[in-house]
C-alpha atoms as a PDB file:
ATOM      1  CA  MET A   1      15.296-164.145 115.474  1.00  0.00           C
ATOM      2  CA  ALA A   2      18.013-166.066 116.277  1.00  0.00           C
ATOM      3  CA  ASN A   3      16.608-168.835 114.080  1.00  0.00           C
ATOM      4  CA  VAL A   4      16.266-166.548 111.360  1.00  0.00           C
ATOM      5  CA  LEU A   5      20.031-165.672 111.374  1.00  0.00           C
ATOM      6  CA  CYS A   6      21.514-168.912 111.924  1.00  0.00           C
ATOM      7  CA  ILE A   7      22.792-167.617 115.689  1.00  0.00           C
ATOM      8  CA  PRO A   8      22.817-170.869 118.193  1.00  0.00           C
ATOM      9  CA  SER A   9      21.018-169.824 121.337  1.00  0.00           C
ATOM     10  CA  PRO A  10      21.776-172.076 124.092  1.00  0.00           C
ATOM     11  CA  LYS A  11      18.583-171.800 125.742  1.00  0.00           C
ATOM     12  CA  GLU A  12      18.028-175.807 126.524  1.00  0.00           C
ATOM     13  CA  ASP A  13      15.602-175.827 129.188  1.00  0.00           C
ATOM     14  CA  ILE A  14      12.529-173.667 129.107  1.00  0.00           C
ATOM     15  CA  ASP A  15      11.594-171.389 127.129  1.00  0.00           C
ATOM     16  CA  GLY A  16       9.336-168.268 127.445  1.00  0.00           C
ATOM     17  CA  SER A  17       5.847-169.671 128.286  1.00  0.00           C
ATOM     18  CA  MET A  18       6.834-171.773 130.957  1.00  0.00           C
ATOM     19  CA  VAL A  19       8.765-169.424 133.132  1.00  0.00           C
ATOM     20  CA  ARG A  20       5.573-168.417 135.276  1.00  0.00           C
ATOM     21  CA  ASP A  21       5.390-172.214 136.013  1.00  0.00           C
ATOM     22  CA  VAL A  22       9.139-172.812 137.061  1.00  0.00           C
ATOM     23  CA  TYR A  23       8.489-169.811 139.739  1.00  0.00           C
ATOM     24  CA  TYR A  24       5.327-170.419 141.239  1.00  0.00           C
ATOM     25  CA  GLU A  25       4.753-174.255 141.018  1.00  0.00           C
ATOM     26  CA  GLU A  26       8.290-174.924 141.298  1.00  0.00           C
ATOM     27  CA  GLY A  27       9.812-172.307 142.950  1.00  0.00           C
ATOM     28  CA  ASP A  28      13.266-172.117 141.014  1.00  0.00           C
ATOM     29  CA  LEU A  29      14.276-169.207 140.853  1.00  0.00           C
ATOM     30  CA  ASP A  30      17.713-170.492 139.621  1.00  0.00           C
ATOM     31  CA  ARG A  31      16.696-171.655 136.576  1.00  0.00           C
ATOM     32  CA  ILE A  32      14.322-168.506 135.663  1.00  0.00           C
ATOM     33  CA  ILE A  33      18.328-166.680 135.713  1.00  0.00           C
ATOM     34  CA  LEU A  34      19.741-168.933 133.806  1.00  0.00           C
ATOM     35  CA  TYR A  35      17.185-168.531 131.043  1.00  0.00           C
ATOM     36  CA  CYS A  36      17.469-164.521 131.267  1.00  0.00           C
ATOM     37  CA  GLU A  37      20.904-164.891 131.622  1.00  0.00           C
ATOM     38  CA  GLN A  38      20.871-166.714 128.525  1.00  0.00           C
ATOM     39  CA  ASN A  39      18.573-164.516 126.861  1.00  0.00           C
ATOM     40  CA  VAL A  40      20.796-161.955 127.088  1.00  0.00           C
ATOM     41  CA  ILE A  41      23.617-163.463 125.360  1.00  0.00           C
ATOM     42  CA  THR A  42      20.754-164.650 122.412  1.00  0.00           C
ATOM     43  CA  VAL A  43      20.465-160.704 121.793  1.00  0.00           C
ATOM     44  CA  ALA A  44      24.048-159.717 122.392  1.00  0.00           C
ATOM     45  CA  GLN A  45      24.819-162.305 119.551  1.00  0.00           C
ATOM     46  CA  ILE A  46      21.575-161.076 117.172  1.00  0.00           C
ATOM     47  CA  PHE A  47      23.696-157.298 117.395  1.00  0.00           C
ATOM     48  CA  LEU A  48      26.701-158.435 116.825  1.00  0.00           C
ATOM     49  CA  HIS A  49      25.351-160.196 113.442  1.00  0.00           C
ATOM     50  CA  LEU A  50      23.338-157.283 112.791  1.00  0.00           C
ATOM     51  CA  ARG A  51      26.389-154.912 113.346  1.00  0.00           C
ATOM     52  CA  ASN A  52      28.328-156.989 110.464  1.00  0.00           C
ATOM     53  CA  GLU A  53      30.830-157.664 113.532  1.00  0.00           C
ATOM     54  CA  PRO A  54      31.840-161.803 114.506  1.00  0.00           C
ATOM     55  CA  LEU A  55      29.956-163.418 117.085  1.00  0.00           C
ATOM     56  CA  MET A  56      31.225-164.240 120.498  1.00  0.00           C
ATOM     57  CA  GLU A  57      32.694-167.471 121.087  1.00  0.00           C
ATOM     58  CA  ASP A  58      32.061-170.094 123.909  1.00  0.00           C
ATOM     59  CA  ALA A  59      35.413-169.292 125.490  1.00  0.00           C
ATOM     60  CA  GLU A  60      34.125-164.901 125.537  1.00  0.00           C
ATOM     61  CA  ILE A  61      31.543-165.723 127.369  1.00  0.00           C
ATOM     62  CA  LYS A  62      31.277-165.842 130.865  1.00  0.00           C
ATOM     63  CA  LYS A  63      29.297-168.333 132.703  1.00  0.00           C
ATOM     64  CA  VAL A  64      28.584-168.131 136.879  1.00  0.00           C
END
């Protein structure tokens, strides 16, 4: 959906099909947490776009 709406997705490292392997084979829970946080940001951007509101700027997104 983000791609169709031309909304940049911050997800770069893994995609949903890789979460199982990252957890069970690598045990890298931090990587999965980051992936989920990036999903939430993307969904929020889609929501804002559909409401005809400005997208969040990078400076507005708190990185933990």
